[in-house]
């Protein structure tokens, strides 16, 4: 599916208002994983295409990605690896899913949290299930859940990609999910889109009429538009290393 054109307008105001509201709720969100992301030992990972360490590595191979990430976490004595918002990555070229007519989408719109498969997940704030879907295929999200939230009269969404298949069992549109409630778990490859175990966490101000899926990687030529539509998820995660 092509995500380049057309681009809807009138999203800037909603995004600006959401950022302001999320900042006012700082410290009031539940952790989405079973560790305190504000205090736990984390390592910020550089997975950009400009990372010189990738010159001798085939980062299009899932096993190579996994070894690199886990080695970095071990060296830093970290319980999780984090990062990626706005990062320009080169490994998406391995999947036709990211190929547009004139460019390969490369700008990452969420924050990744790298932990073991099976890691349980919790809702950062109350909401309902907007939609869910198994976005199968190389480099895609795999099992995905999107929650809908309301804060101070502003509707927005949080997306969780690369889940386990079991995460979708028993789910239904409109199901209420309470703040701090377990609702999913990290998947493993190849089910999770064939990525090392991690969660893709993304904020979205408008779903653009999509269900169970939403662009998590943007074309560099439209970076500003998509990053405005999808503000920094660290407004909720509040990881000090990001």
Protein backbone atom coordinates (compact mmCIF):
# COMPACT_ATOMS: atom_id res chain seq x y z
CA UNK A 1 0.00 0.00 0.00
CA UNK A 2 1.30 3.45 -0.87
CA UNK A 3 1.26 6.02 1.92
CA UNK A 4 2.75 8.96 0.03
CA UNK A 5 -0.27 10.68 -1.56
CA UNK A 6 -2.65 12.31 -0.95
CA UNK A 7 -1.83 14.07 2.31
CA UNK A 8 -4.78 15.35 4.37
CA UNK A 9 -4.53 18.84 5.84
CA UNK A 10 -5.56 20.58 9.06
CA UNK A 11 -3.67 18.22 11.40
CA UNK A 12 -1.21 20.75 12.86
CA UNK A 13 -3.61 22.25 15.43
CA UNK A 14 -4.70 18.89 16.81
CA UNK A 15 -1.10 17.71 17.15
CA UNK A 16 -0.03 20.89 18.92
CA UNK A 17 -2.95 20.67 21.34
CA UNK A 18 -2.24 17.00 22.07
CA UNK A 19 1.42 17.68 22.83
CA UNK A 20 0.40 20.39 25.28
CA UNK A 21 -2.10 18.09 27.04
CA UNK A 22 0.32 15.15 27.24
CA UNK A 23 2.95 17.40 28.81
CA UNK A 24 0.43 18.48 31.43
CA UNK A 25 -0.10 14.80 32.36
CA UNK A 26 3.63 14.12 32.77
CA UNK A 27 4.23 11.49 35.43
CA UNK A 28 0.65 10.21 35.30
CA UNK A 29 1.04 7.49 32.67
CA UNK A 30 1.46 3.78 33.40
CA UNK A 31 4.54 2.02 32.04
CA UNK A 32 3.71 -0.05 28.97
CA UNK A 33 6.24 -2.73 29.99
CA UNK A 34 6.99 -4.47 33.34
CA UNK A 35 9.88 -2.11 34.15
CA UNK A 36 9.96 1.55 35.14
CA UNK A 37 11.23 3.22 31.98
CA UNK A 38 12.06 6.33 34.00
CA UNK A 39 14.48 4.51 36.30
CA UNK A 40 15.49 1.19 34.73
CA UNK A 41 18.91 0.87 33.03
CA UNK A 42 18.21 1.47 29.35
CA UNK A 43 20.40 1.91 26.31
CA UNK A 44 19.51 4.22 23.45
CA UNK A 45 20.19 2.34 20.23
CA UNK A 46 21.44 3.95 17.05
CA UNK A 47 19.76 2.00 14.26
CA UNK A 48 20.11 4.70 11.63
CA UNK A 49 21.55 3.98 8.25
CA UNK A 50 24.38 6.38 9.12
CA UNK A 51 25.67 4.13 11.92
CA UNK A 52 29.25 3.26 10.82
CA UNK A 53 29.04 -0.09 12.63
CA UNK A 54 26.58 -1.27 9.99
CA UNK A 55 29.19 -0.99 7.21
CA UNK A 56 30.35 -4.57 7.84
CA UNK A 57 26.95 -5.99 8.86
CA UNK A 58 24.03 -7.16 6.78
CA UNK A 59 21.32 -5.40 8.76
CA UNK A 60 18.65 -6.72 6.42
CA UNK A 61 18.99 -10.12 8.14
CA UNK A 62 16.84 -10.56 11.25
CA UNK A 63 19.43 -12.70 13.06
CA UNK A 64 22.12 -10.05 12.45
CA UNK A 65 19.82 -7.32 13.76
CA UNK A 66 19.03 -9.37 16.86
CA UNK A 67 22.67 -10.10 17.70
CA UNK A 68 23.64 -6.45 17.25
CA UNK A 69 20.82 -5.19 19.48
CA UNK A 70 21.27 -7.79 22.21
CA UNK A 71 25.07 -7.27 22.24
CA UNK A 72 24.53 -3.52 22.74
CA UNK A 73 22.10 -4.15 25.59
CA UNK A 74 24.47 -6.62 27.24
CA UNK A 75 27.45 -4.28 26.94
CA UNK A 76 25.45 -1.47 28.54
CA UNK A 77 24.00 -3.81 31.20
CA UNK A 78 20.60 -2.58 30.10
CA UNK A 79 17.27 -4.33 30.60
CA UNK A 80 15.89 -2.81 27.40
CA UNK A 81 16.96 -0.99 24.28
CA UNK A 82 14.97 2.06 23.23
CA UNK A 83 14.85 4.70 20.52
CA UNK A 84 14.03 5.35 16.92
CA UNK A 85 11.62 8.29 16.79
CA UNK A 86 12.44 10.31 13.68
CA UNK A 87 15.40 8.05 12.91
CA UNK A 88 16.32 7.46 9.26
CA UNK A 89 16.88 3.74 8.82
CA UNK A 90 18.25 1.79 5.90
CA UNK A 91 16.98 -1.70 6.62
CA UNK A 92 13.45 -1.10 5.31
CA UNK A 93 14.65 -1.57 1.76
CA UNK A 94 14.55 -5.33 2.39
CA UNK A 95 10.74 -5.24 2.18
CA UNK A 96 8.63 -4.17 -0.80
CA UNK A 97 6.14 -2.86 1.77
CA UNK A 98 8.23 0.31 2.07
CA UNK A 99 8.97 0.92 -1.60
CA UNK A 100 7.19 3.90 -3.12
CA UNK A 101 7.33 5.09 -6.70
CA UNK A 102 10.23 7.47 -6.13
CA UNK A 103 11.77 6.48 -2.78
CA UNK A 104 11.95 3.89 -0.01
CA UNK A 105 10.22 5.01 3.17
CA UNK A 106 12.86 5.35 5.89
CA UNK A 107 11.79 7.76 8.67
CA UNK A 108 10.64 5.86 11.77
CA UNK A 109 7.52 7.37 13.37
CA UNK A 110 7.43 5.46 16.65
CA UNK A 111 9.66 4.47 19.52
CA UNK A 112 10.91 0.89 19.69
CA UNK A 113 11.38 -0.93 22.99
CA UNK A 114 13.58 -4.00 22.55
CA UNK A 115 12.96 -6.76 25.11
CA UNK A 116 12.40 -10.51 25.09
CA UNK A 117 9.51 -12.14 23.25
CA UNK A 118 6.62 -12.74 25.61
CA UNK A 119 7.21 -9.52 27.57
CA UNK A 120 3.77 -8.42 28.75
CA UNK A 121 2.38 -5.01 27.91
CA UNK A 122 0.13 -2.59 29.74
CA UNK A 123 -2.05 0.31 28.61
CA UNK A 124 -0.41 3.66 29.48
CA UNK A 125 -3.83 5.25 29.96
CA UNK A 126 -7.44 4.14 29.69
CA UNK A 127 -9.15 3.83 26.33
CA UNK A 128 -10.94 1.47 24.00
CA UNK A 129 -9.74 -0.82 21.25
CA UNK A 130 -10.08 1.15 18.02
CA UNK A 131 -9.01 -1.75 15.80
CA UNK A 132 -6.62 -4.67 15.51
CA UNK A 133 -5.18 -6.79 12.73
CA UNK A 134 -2.43 -9.24 11.89
CA UNK A 135 -0.41 -7.26 9.34
CA UNK A 136 1.49 -10.28 8.10
CA UNK A 137 4.46 -10.03 5.77
CA UNK A 138 8.19 -9.40 5.80
CA UNK A 139 8.99 -6.15 7.54
CA UNK A 140 5.39 -5.36 8.48
CA UNK A 141 3.86 -5.00 11.96
CA UNK A 142 2.60 -8.53 12.36
CA UNK A 143 -0.15 -8.61 15.03
CA UNK A 144 -1.15 -5.01 15.82
CA UNK A 145 -3.50 -3.31 18.28
CA UNK A 146 -4.58 0.34 18.13
CA UNK A 147 -6.14 1.97 21.20
CA UNK A 148 -8.30 5.10 21.15
CA UNK A 149 -7.97 7.62 23.99
CA UNK A 150 -9.56 10.86 25.16
CA UNK A 151 -7.77 13.51 27.24
CA UNK A 152 -9.15 16.96 27.88
CA UNK A 153 -11.58 16.52 24.98
CA UNK A 154 -8.83 15.53 22.52
CA UNK A 155 -9.12 12.17 20.79
CA UNK A 156 -5.92 10.39 19.83
CA UNK A 157 -4.58 6.90 19.28
CA UNK A 158 -1.71 4.67 20.38
CA UNK A 159 -0.44 1.87 18.16
CA UNK A 160 1.35 -1.29 19.30
CA UNK A 161 3.02 -3.33 16.58
CA UNK A 162 5.02 -6.60 16.48
CA UNK A 163 2.83 -8.38 19.03
CA UNK A 164 2.21 -12.10 19.49
CA UNK A 165 -0.71 -13.76 17.72
CA UNK A 166 -2.14 -14.55 21.16
CA UNK A 167 -2.45 -10.81 21.81
CA UNK A 168 -5.34 -10.63 19.35
CA UNK A 169 -7.35 -13.47 20.90
CA UNK A 170 -10.54 -12.30 22.60
CA UNK A 171 -10.18 -8.73 21.40
CA UNK A 172 -13.09 -6.75 19.97
CA UNK A 173 -13.58 -3.24 18.64
CA UNK A 174 -14.77 -0.89 21.36
CA UNK A 175 -13.50 -3.11 24.20
CA UNK A 176 -12.55 -1.01 27.21
CA UNK A 177 -8.93 -1.14 28.33
CA UNK A 178 -8.06 0.40 31.68
CA UNK A 179 -4.86 2.27 32.52
CA UNK A 180 -2.25 -0.26 33.64
CA UNK A 181 -4.22 -3.23 32.32
CA UNK A 182 -2.33 -6.04 30.60
CA UNK A 183 -3.60 -6.29 27.03
CA UNK A 184 -0.81 -7.72 24.85
CA UNK A 185 2.68 -9.19 24.71
CA UNK A 186 5.78 -8.92 22.55
CA UNK A 187 5.86 -11.28 19.59
CA UNK A 188 8.75 -13.22 18.09
CA UNK A 189 9.93 -13.55 14.53
CA UNK A 190 8.76 -14.39 11.95
CA UNK A 191 5.21 -13.87 13.28
CA UNK A 192 5.93 -10.27 14.35
CA UNK A 193 6.86 -9.15 10.85
CA UNK A 194 10.22 -10.92 11.03
CA UNK A 195 11.94 -8.53 13.42
CA UNK A 196 13.92 -9.16 16.62
CA UNK A 197 11.47 -9.07 19.56
CA UNK A 198 10.39 -5.51 20.31
CA UNK A 199 7.36 -3.27 20.45
CA UNK A 200 6.69 -0.40 18.07
CA UNK A 201 4.84 2.27 20.08
CA UNK A 202 3.37 5.18 18.15
CA UNK A 203 1.04 8.09 18.84
CA UNK A 204 -1.42 9.18 16.14
CA UNK A 205 -3.66 12.25 16.03
CA UNK A 206 -5.82 11.08 13.11
CA UNK A 207 -6.30 7.53 11.82
CA UNK A 208 -7.02 8.81 8.29
CA UNK A 209 -9.85 6.25 8.07
CA UNK A 210 -7.44 3.31 8.52
CA UNK A 211 -8.26 0.20 10.57
CA UNK A 212 -5.77 -2.07 12.32
CA UNK A 213 -2.83 -0.53 10.48
CA UNK A 214 -1.14 2.84 10.10
CA UNK A 215 2.16 3.97 8.54
CA UNK A 216 4.99 3.50 11.02
CA UNK A 217 7.65 4.64 8.57
CA UNK A 218 7.44 7.75 6.39
CA UNK A 219 9.03 8.92 3.19
CA UNK A 220 11.83 11.37 3.95
CA UNK A 221 10.30 13.88 1.52
CA UNK A 222 7.22 14.01 3.80
CA UNK A 223 8.95 13.70 7.16
CA UNK A 224 7.55 16.92 8.63
CA UNK A 225 3.95 16.03 7.79
CA UNK A 226 4.04 12.53 9.27
CA UNK A 227 6.00 13.48 12.38
CA UNK A 228 3.46 16.20 13.06
CA UNK A 229 0.64 13.68 12.64
CA UNK A 230 2.52 11.28 14.95
CA UNK A 231 4.05 13.25 17.86
CA UNK A 232 6.91 11.96 20.01
CA UNK A 233 5.78 8.87 21.99
CA UNK A 234 8.28 9.78 24.70
CA UNK A 235 5.69 12.29 25.89
CA UNK A 236 4.07 9.19 27.41
CA UNK A 237 7.05 6.86 27.94
CA UNK A 238 9.23 9.58 29.51
CA UNK A 239 12.48 7.66 29.04
CA UNK A 240 15.30 9.92 30.28
CA UNK A 241 17.78 8.52 27.73
CA UNK A 242 15.64 9.74 24.81
